[in-house]
């Protein structure tokens, strides 16, 4: 699950996802790869996938990847409760499973650009695609954010969701399949908000969960084609 050095280098020529003291960002002409990892602290095969996701930090910092770790709670019955899991994450995973024609959900599951993806090594191998929307993100207050979304094709329809992700979390697991392990997590989804479906240019707002100052966080907006679920554009914003 290591990203080849040549592939890493090829992804580093991108626009940073945060700019300036005002804390704002503008999307570029291409769509970053949108990665969703469905994981659980109760799953013994998940830590390698979590480490792979942490390895995407350089690409995320350059705006080439929007990475998100959705923790799910359906392994909690084994004896260890994943504190990052919410039912909304499992609901999204089930929706993706249905869209991908899967009969069940599983962990770890890698989803690339809305599609179930089993090849970690090739997850970032696609050629950059032209953006179908432009996105601008800005912090308007401490935990308030605004996005401007403009489709390339005028009044085109689109849907979107927000996430707030954090780095640098750890858990000393006391029970279940990972008992005794110290698990490290980055890109942890702490808030997931479906933003609805729209046509044409729109402004969206988010009241983010408060940060604790100890874990670097990103506010992410992913704009999707409503029928296919394919990203039209995605953008991350990190504010100090």
C-alpha atoms as a PDB file:
ATOM      1  CA  UNK A   1       0.000   0.000   0.000  1.00  0.00           C
ATOM      2  CA  UNK A   2       2.957   2.360  -0.593  1.00  0.00           C
ATOM      3  CA  UNK A   3       2.588   5.114  -3.176  1.00  0.00           C
ATOM      4  CA  UNK A   4       5.350   4.784  -5.808  1.00  0.00           C
ATOM      5  CA  UNK A   5       7.822   7.701  -5.715  1.00  0.00           C
ATOM      6  CA  UNK A   6       7.329   8.458  -9.394  1.00  0.00           C
ATOM      7  CA  UNK A   7       3.594   8.689  -8.923  1.00  0.00           C
ATOM      8  CA  UNK A   8       4.046  10.878  -5.861  1.00  0.00           C
ATOM      9  CA  UNK A   9       6.220  13.285  -7.799  1.00  0.00           C
ATOM     10  CA  UNK A  10       3.691  13.449 -10.610  1.00  0.00           C
ATOM     11  CA  UNK A  11       1.021  14.627  -8.200  1.00  0.00           C
ATOM     12  CA  UNK A  12       2.975  17.402  -6.513  1.00  0.00           C
ATOM     13  CA  UNK A  13       2.473  20.093  -9.149  1.00  0.00           C
ATOM     14  CA  UNK A  14      -0.832  21.397  -7.828  1.00  0.00           C
ATOM     15  CA  UNK A  15      -2.375  24.405  -6.143  1.00  0.00           C
ATOM     16  CA  UNK A  16      -2.110  24.412  -2.315  1.00  0.00           C
ATOM     17  CA  UNK A  17      -5.453  23.923  -0.622  1.00  0.00           C
ATOM     18  CA  UNK A  18      -5.168  26.898   1.772  1.00  0.00           C
ATOM     19  CA  UNK A  19      -3.908  30.344   1.020  1.00  0.00           C
ATOM     20  CA  UNK A  20      -3.119  33.391   3.079  1.00  0.00           C
ATOM     21  CA  UNK A  21      -4.114  34.737   6.472  1.00  0.00           C
ATOM     22  CA  UNK A  22      -7.695  35.194   5.303  1.00  0.00           C
ATOM     23  CA  UNK A  23      -8.005  31.414   5.017  1.00  0.00           C
ATOM     24  CA  UNK A  24      -9.539  30.910   1.631  1.00  0.00           C
ATOM     25  CA  UNK A  25      -8.959  28.660  -1.351  1.00  0.00           C
ATOM     26  CA  UNK A  26      -9.948  28.444  -4.996  1.00  0.00           C
ATOM     27  CA  UNK A  27     -10.214  25.238  -6.999  1.00  0.00           C
ATOM     28  CA  UNK A  28      -8.033  24.668 -10.020  1.00  0.00           C
ATOM     29  CA  UNK A  29      -8.810  23.575 -13.580  1.00  0.00           C
ATOM     30  CA  UNK A  30      -8.719  19.852 -12.760  1.00  0.00           C
ATOM     31  CA  UNK A  31     -10.606  17.589 -10.361  1.00  0.00           C
ATOM     32  CA  UNK A  32      -8.556  16.186  -7.457  1.00  0.00           C
ATOM     33  CA  UNK A  33      -8.947  12.506  -6.686  1.00  0.00           C
ATOM     34  CA  UNK A  34     -11.595  12.054  -3.999  1.00  0.00           C
ATOM     35  CA  UNK A  35     -10.710   9.237  -1.615  1.00  0.00           C
ATOM     36  CA  UNK A  36     -13.109   7.821   0.962  1.00  0.00           C
ATOM     37  CA  UNK A  37     -11.802   5.112   3.274  1.00  0.00           C
ATOM     38  CA  UNK A  38     -14.377   3.184   5.317  1.00  0.00           C
ATOM     39  CA  UNK A  39     -12.552   1.892   8.359  1.00  0.00           C
ATOM     40  CA  UNK A  40     -13.008   0.813  11.965  1.00  0.00           C
ATOM     41  CA  UNK A  41     -10.844   0.511  15.065  1.00  0.00           C
ATOM     42  CA  UNK A  42     -12.495  -2.877  15.593  1.00  0.00           C
ATOM     43  CA  UNK A  43     -11.240  -4.272  12.287  1.00  0.00           C
ATOM     44  CA  UNK A  44      -7.845  -6.018  12.310  1.00  0.00           C
ATOM     45  CA  UNK A  45      -7.280  -5.502   8.573  1.00  0.00           C
ATOM     46  CA  UNK A  46      -7.932  -1.742   8.782  1.00  0.00           C
ATOM     47  CA  UNK A  47      -4.662  -0.379  10.279  1.00  0.00           C
ATOM     48  CA  UNK A  48      -2.640  -0.946   7.066  1.00  0.00           C
ATOM     49  CA  UNK A  49      -5.304   0.940   5.108  1.00  0.00           C
ATOM     50  CA  UNK A  50      -5.246   3.736   7.693  1.00  0.00           C
ATOM     51  CA  UNK A  51      -1.464   4.015   7.304  1.00  0.00           C
ATOM     52  CA  UNK A  52      -1.832   4.126   3.518  1.00  0.00           C
ATOM     53  CA  UNK A  53      -4.300   7.004   3.873  1.00  0.00           C
ATOM     54  CA  UNK A  54      -1.926   8.899   6.189  1.00  0.00           C
ATOM     55  CA  UNK A  55       0.670   8.639   3.430  1.00  0.00           C
ATOM     56  CA  UNK A  56      -1.502  10.872   1.225  1.00  0.00           C
ATOM     57  CA  UNK A  57      -0.733  13.986   3.294  1.00  0.00           C
ATOM     58  CA  UNK A  58       1.775  15.420   0.770  1.00  0.00           C
ATOM     59  CA  UNK A  59      -0.718  15.058  -2.072  1.00  0.00           C
ATOM     60  CA  UNK A  60      -3.571  16.495  -0.020  1.00  0.00           C
ATOM     61  CA  UNK A  61      -1.412  19.476   0.956  1.00  0.00           C
ATOM     62  CA  UNK A  62      -0.875  20.165  -2.744  1.00  0.00           C
ATOM     63  CA  UNK A  63      -4.582  19.975  -3.556  1.00  0.00           C
ATOM     64  CA  UNK A  64      -4.309  16.810  -5.666  1.00  0.00           C
ATOM     65  CA  UNK A  65      -6.281  14.597  -3.282  1.00  0.00           C
ATOM     66  CA  UNK A  66      -9.257  15.115  -0.998  1.00  0.00           C
ATOM     67  CA  UNK A  67      -8.889  12.289   1.527  1.00  0.00           C
ATOM     68  CA  UNK A  68     -11.457  11.269   4.133  1.00  0.00           C
ATOM     69  CA  UNK A  69     -11.562   8.435   6.679  1.00  0.00           C
ATOM     70  CA  UNK A  70     -15.161   7.521   7.489  1.00  0.00           C
ATOM     71  CA  UNK A  71     -15.153   5.393  10.650  1.00  0.00           C
ATOM     72  CA  UNK A  72     -18.088   2.978  10.948  1.00  0.00           C
ATOM     73  CA  UNK A  73     -19.525   1.318  14.031  1.00  0.00           C
ATOM     74  CA  UNK A  74     -20.739  -2.091  12.884  1.00  0.00           C
ATOM     75  CA  UNK A  75     -17.674  -3.773  14.407  1.00  0.00           C
ATOM     76  CA  UNK A  76     -18.394  -2.302  17.845  1.00  0.00           C
ATOM     77  CA  UNK A  77     -20.209  -5.469  18.931  1.00  0.00           C
ATOM     78  CA  UNK A  78     -16.860  -7.298  19.144  1.00  0.00           C
ATOM     79  CA  UNK A  79     -16.044  -5.308  22.269  1.00  0.00           C
ATOM     80  CA  UNK A  80     -14.347  -2.070  21.247  1.00  0.00           C
ATOM     81  CA  UNK A  81     -16.436   1.043  20.451  1.00  0.00           C
ATOM     82  CA  UNK A  82     -14.921   3.239  17.738  1.00  0.00           C
ATOM     83  CA  UNK A  83     -15.350   6.785  19.058  1.00  0.00           C
ATOM     84  CA  UNK A  84     -15.120   8.292  15.569  1.00  0.00           C
ATOM     85  CA  UNK A  85     -17.961   6.226  14.094  1.00  0.00           C
ATOM     86  CA  UNK A  86     -21.449   7.592  13.431  1.00  0.00           C
ATOM     87  CA  UNK A  87     -24.536   6.012  11.812  1.00  0.00           C
ATOM     88  CA  UNK A  88     -24.353   8.653   9.066  1.00  0.00           C
ATOM     89  CA  UNK A  89     -21.051   7.199   7.881  1.00  0.00           C
ATOM     90  CA  UNK A  90     -22.561   3.727   7.579  1.00  0.00           C
ATOM     91  CA  UNK A  91     -25.541   5.180   5.737  1.00  0.00           C
ATOM     92  CA  UNK A  92     -23.245   6.807   3.192  1.00  0.00           C
ATOM     93  CA  UNK A  93     -21.319   3.563   2.772  1.00  0.00           C
ATOM     94  CA  UNK A  94     -24.558   1.686   2.120  1.00  0.00           C
ATOM     95  CA  UNK A  95     -25.595   4.277  -0.449  1.00  0.00           C
ATOM     96  CA  UNK A  96     -22.269   3.856  -2.224  1.00  0.00           C
ATOM     97  CA  UNK A  97     -22.608   0.074  -2.094  1.00  0.00           C
ATOM     98  CA  UNK A  98     -25.991   0.311  -3.779  1.00  0.00           C
ATOM     99  CA  UNK A  99     -24.640   2.691  -6.441  1.00  0.00           C
ATOM    100  CA  UNK A 100     -21.755   0.274  -7.095  1.00  0.00           C
ATOM    101  CA  UNK A 101     -23.972  -2.802  -7.248  1.00  0.00           C
ATOM    102  CA  UNK A 102     -22.415  -4.371  -4.148  1.00  0.00           C
ATOM    103  CA  UNK A 103     -24.373  -6.865  -2.077  1.00  0.00           C
ATOM    104  CA  UNK A 104     -22.787  -5.869   1.228  1.00  0.00           C
ATOM    105  CA  UNK A 105     -20.500  -3.376   2.927  1.00  0.00           C
ATOM    106  CA  UNK A 106     -17.078  -4.141   4.354  1.00  0.00           C
ATOM    107  CA  UNK A 107     -13.955  -2.678   5.934  1.00  0.00           C
ATOM    108  CA  UNK A 108     -11.531  -1.497   4.944  1.00  0.00           C
ATOM    109  CA  UNK A 109     -13.259  -0.219   1.836  1.00  0.00           C
ATOM    110  CA  UNK A 110     -11.529   2.221  -0.470  1.00  0.00           C
ATOM    111  CA  UNK A 111     -13.814   4.377  -2.611  1.00  0.00           C
ATOM    112  CA  UNK A 112     -12.191   6.446  -5.356  1.00  0.00           C
ATOM    113  CA  UNK A 113     -14.282   9.122  -7.048  1.00  0.00           C
ATOM    114  CA  UNK A 114     -17.475   7.417  -5.921  1.00  0.00           C
ATOM    115  CA  UNK A 115     -16.484   3.940  -7.135  1.00  0.00           C
ATOM    116  CA  UNK A 116     -15.507   0.882  -5.102  1.00  0.00           C
ATOM    117  CA  UNK A 117     -11.759   0.488  -5.601  1.00  0.00           C
ATOM    118  CA  UNK A 118      -9.736  -2.583  -4.578  1.00  0.00           C
ATOM    119  CA  UNK A 119      -6.321  -1.567  -5.967  1.00  0.00           C
ATOM    120  CA  UNK A 120      -4.644   0.729  -3.432  1.00  0.00           C
ATOM    121  CA  UNK A 121      -1.460   0.989  -5.486  1.00  0.00           C
ATOM    122  CA  UNK A 122      -3.432   2.254  -8.472  1.00  0.00           C
ATOM    123  CA  UNK A 123      -5.845   4.498  -6.591  1.00  0.00           C
ATOM    124  CA  UNK A 124      -4.110   7.667  -7.767  1.00  0.00           C
ATOM    125  CA  UNK A 125      -3.196   6.479 -11.240  1.00  0.00           C
ATOM    126  CA  UNK A 126      -5.931   8.179 -13.240  1.00  0.00           C
ATOM    127  CA  UNK A 127      -5.027  11.113 -15.473  1.00  0.00           C
ATOM    128  CA  UNK A 128      -6.334  14.444 -14.171  1.00  0.00           C
ATOM    129  CA  UNK A 129      -9.741  15.318 -15.572  1.00  0.00           C
ATOM    130  CA  UNK A 130     -11.085  18.798 -16.371  1.00  0.00           C
ATOM    131  CA  UNK A 131     -13.242  20.245 -13.632  1.00  0.00           C
ATOM    132  CA  UNK A 132     -16.964  20.487 -14.282  1.00  0.00           C
ATOM    133  CA  UNK A 133     -17.409  23.150 -11.608  1.00  0.00           C
ATOM    134  CA  UNK A 134     -15.467  25.902  -9.906  1.00  0.00           C
ATOM    135  CA  UNK A 135     -15.392  26.077  -6.099  1.00  0.00           C
ATOM    136  CA  UNK A 136     -14.194  28.830  -3.776  1.00  0.00           C
ATOM    137  CA  UNK A 137     -14.022  28.229  -0.018  1.00  0.00           C
ATOM    138  CA  UNK A 138     -13.519  30.795   2.723  1.00  0.00           C
ATOM    139  CA  UNK A 139     -13.755  30.972   6.489  1.00  0.00           C
ATOM    140  CA  UNK A 140     -16.150  33.739   7.476  1.00  0.00           C
ATOM    141  CA  UNK A 141     -15.957  33.278  11.271  1.00  0.00           C
ATOM    142  CA  UNK A 142     -14.061  30.950  13.615  1.00  0.00           C
ATOM    143  CA  UNK A 143     -16.152  27.888  12.750  1.00  0.00           C
ATOM    144  CA  UNK A 144     -18.244  29.242   9.872  1.00  0.00           C
ATOM    145  CA  UNK A 145     -17.410  28.612   6.226  1.00  0.00           C
ATOM    146  CA  UNK A 146     -18.887  29.663   2.891  1.00  0.00           C
ATOM    147  CA  UNK A 147     -18.544  28.072  -0.524  1.00  0.00           C
ATOM    148  CA  UNK A 148     -19.303  29.436  -3.956  1.00  0.00           C
ATOM    149  CA  UNK A 149     -20.048  26.734  -6.536  1.00  0.00           C
ATOM    150  CA  UNK A 150     -20.295  27.583 -10.244  1.00  0.00           C
ATOM    151  CA  UNK A 151     -20.872  24.749 -12.750  1.00  0.00           C
ATOM    152  CA  UNK A 152     -18.930  24.962 -16.003  1.00  0.00           C
ATOM    153  CA  UNK A 153     -22.167  24.316 -17.887  1.00  0.00           C
ATOM    154  CA  UNK A 154     -24.293  27.194 -16.673  1.00  0.00           C
ATOM    155  CA  UNK A 155     -27.419  25.722 -15.082  1.00  0.00           C
ATOM    156  CA  UNK A 156     -26.114  22.155 -14.721  1.00  0.00           C
ATOM    157  CA  UNK A 157     -27.449  20.129 -11.781  1.00  0.00           C
ATOM    158  CA  UNK A 158     -25.156  19.046  -8.977  1.00  0.00           C
ATOM    159  CA  UNK A 159     -25.160  17.769  -5.416  1.00  0.00           C
ATOM    160  CA  UNK A 160     -22.578  18.191  -2.679  1.00  0.00           C
ATOM    161  CA  UNK A 161     -21.438  17.191   0.753  1.00  0.00           C
ATOM    162  CA  UNK A 162     -19.189  18.743   3.391  1.00  0.00           C
ATOM    163  CA  UNK A 163     -16.752  16.993   5.692  1.00  0.00           C
ATOM    164  CA  UNK A 164     -14.526  18.256   8.473  1.00  0.00           C
ATOM    165  CA  UNK A 165     -11.463  16.038   8.832  1.00  0.00           C
ATOM    166  CA  UNK A 166      -8.703  15.999  11.456  1.00  0.00           C
ATOM    167  CA  UNK A 167      -5.145  14.672  11.680  1.00  0.00           C
ATOM    168  CA  UNK A 168      -3.119  13.209  14.502  1.00  0.00           C
ATOM    169  CA  UNK A 169      -5.640  11.145  16.451  1.00  0.00           C
ATOM    170  CA  UNK A 170      -4.610   7.984  18.283  1.00  0.00           C
ATOM    171  CA  UNK A 171      -6.363   5.273  20.265  1.00  0.00           C
ATOM    172  CA  UNK A 172      -4.983   2.599  22.568  1.00  0.00           C
ATOM    173  CA  UNK A 173      -7.385  -0.225  21.801  1.00  0.00           C
ATOM    174  CA  UNK A 174      -8.325  -2.360  24.804  1.00  0.00           C
ATOM    175  CA  UNK A 175     -10.595  -4.977  23.254  1.00  0.00           C
ATOM    176  CA  UNK A 176     -11.673  -6.588  19.994  1.00  0.00           C
ATOM    177  CA  UNK A 177      -9.509  -7.620  17.053  1.00  0.00           C
ATOM    178  CA  UNK A 178      -6.980  -4.812  17.646  1.00  0.00           C
ATOM    179  CA  UNK A 179      -6.668  -5.259  21.421  1.00  0.00           C
ATOM    180  CA  UNK A 180      -3.343  -3.915  22.668  1.00  0.00           C
ATOM    181  CA  UNK A 181      -2.621  -1.889  19.530  1.00  0.00           C
ATOM    182  CA  UNK A 182      -1.970   1.853  19.406  1.00  0.00           C
ATOM    183  CA  UNK A 183      -3.789   3.052  16.306  1.00  0.00           C
ATOM    184  CA  UNK A 184      -2.874   6.288  14.548  1.00  0.00           C
ATOM    185  CA  UNK A 185      -5.404   8.161  12.421  1.00  0.00           C
ATOM    186  CA  UNK A 186      -5.331  11.045   9.939  1.00  0.00           C
ATOM    187  CA  UNK A 187      -8.071  12.540   7.753  1.00  0.00           C
ATOM    188  CA  UNK A 188     -10.629  11.422  10.369  1.00  0.00           C
ATOM    189  CA  UNK A 189     -14.133  12.604   9.449  1.00  0.00           C
ATOM    190  CA  UNK A 190     -15.474  14.453  12.488  1.00  0.00           C
ATOM    191  CA  UNK A 191     -18.438  15.978  10.661  1.00  0.00           C
ATOM    192  CA  UNK A 192     -20.323  14.895   7.557  1.00  0.00           C
ATOM    193  CA  UNK A 193     -23.100  17.078   6.132  1.00  0.00           C
ATOM    194  CA  UNK A 194     -25.071  16.452   2.966  1.00  0.00           C
ATOM    195  CA  UNK A 195     -25.470  19.842   1.298  1.00  0.00           C
ATOM    196  CA  UNK A 196     -28.384  19.007  -0.999  1.00  0.00           C
ATOM    197  CA  UNK A 197     -29.001  19.180  -4.746  1.00  0.00           C
ATOM    198  CA  UNK A 198     -28.923  22.338  -6.852  1.00  0.00           C
ATOM    199  CA  UNK A 199     -28.824  23.799 -10.359  1.00  0.00           C
ATOM    200  CA  UNK A 200     -26.539  26.571 -11.518  1.00  0.00           C
ATOM    201  CA  UNK A 201     -24.353  28.803  -9.375  1.00  0.00           C
ATOM    202  CA  UNK A 202     -25.042  28.685  -5.640  1.00  0.00           C
ATOM    203  CA  UNK A 203     -23.540  29.646  -2.293  1.00  0.00           C
ATOM    204  CA  UNK A 204     -23.375  27.111   0.539  1.00  0.00           C
ATOM    205  CA  UNK A 205     -22.580  27.605   4.206  1.00  0.00           C
ATOM    206  CA  UNK A 206     -21.297  25.315   6.920  1.00  0.00           C
ATOM    207  CA  UNK A 207     -21.190  25.695  10.696  1.00  0.00           C
ATOM    208  CA  UNK A 208     -18.322  23.381  11.527  1.00  0.00           C
ATOM    209  CA  UNK A 209     -17.851  21.484  14.753  1.00  0.00           C
ATOM    210  CA  UNK A 210     -15.385  23.424  16.918  1.00  0.00           C
ATOM    211  CA  UNK A 211     -11.738  22.462  16.608  1.00  0.00           C
ATOM    212  CA  UNK A 212      -9.757  21.658  19.733  1.00  0.00           C
ATOM    213  CA  UNK A 213      -6.516  23.283  18.603  1.00  0.00           C
ATOM    214  CA  UNK A 214      -4.640  20.003  19.031  1.00  0.00           C
ATOM    215  CA  UNK A 215      -5.519  18.342  15.739  1.00  0.00           C
ATOM    216  CA  UNK A 216      -4.938  19.986  12.383  1.00  0.00           C
ATOM    217  CA  UNK A 217      -8.200  20.024  10.479  1.00  0.00           C
ATOM    218  CA  UNK A 218      -9.520  20.543   6.985  1.00  0.00           C
ATOM    219  CA  UNK A 219     -12.930  21.624   5.746  1.00  0.00           C
ATOM    220  CA  UNK A 220     -13.778  19.785   2.532  1.00  0.00           C
ATOM    221  CA  UNK A 221     -16.499  20.302  -0.059  1.00  0.00           C
ATOM    222  CA  UNK A 222     -17.142  17.648  -2.700  1.00  0.00           C
ATOM    223  CA  UNK A 223     -19.408  18.562  -5.631  1.00  0.00           C
ATOM    224  CA  UNK A 224     -20.952  15.589  -7.450  1.00  0.00           C
ATOM    225  CA  UNK A 225     -22.900  14.679 -10.545  1.00  0.00           C
ATOM    226  CA  UNK A 226     -26.281  13.732  -9.020  1.00  0.00           C
ATOM    227  CA  UNK A 227     -26.852  10.556 -11.056  1.00  0.00           C
ATOM    228  CA  UNK A 228     -23.376   9.046 -11.290  1.00  0.00           C
ATOM    229  CA  UNK A 229     -21.904  10.344  -8.034  1.00  0.00           C
ATOM    230  CA  UNK A 230     -18.738  11.292  -9.942  1.00  0.00           C
ATOM    231  CA  UNK A 231     -16.923  14.350  -8.538  1.00  0.00           C
ATOM    232  CA  UNK A 232     -17.299  17.520 -10.608  1.00  0.00           C
ATOM    233  CA  UNK A 233     -14.910  19.328  -8.293  1.00  0.00           C
ATOM    234  CA  UNK A 234     -13.590  19.036  -4.743  1.00  0.00           C
ATOM    235  CA  UNK A 235     -11.640  21.370  -2.506  1.00  0.00           C
ATOM    236  CA  UNK A 236     -10.056  21.347   0.949  1.00  0.00           C
ATOM    237  CA  UNK A 237      -9.354  24.331   3.180  1.00  0.00           C
ATOM    238  CA  UNK A 238      -7.066  24.224   6.211  1.00  0.00           C
ATOM    239  CA  UNK A 239      -7.111  27.156   8.625  1.00  0.00           C
ATOM    240  CA  UNK A 240      -4.593  27.645  11.426  1.00  0.00           C
END
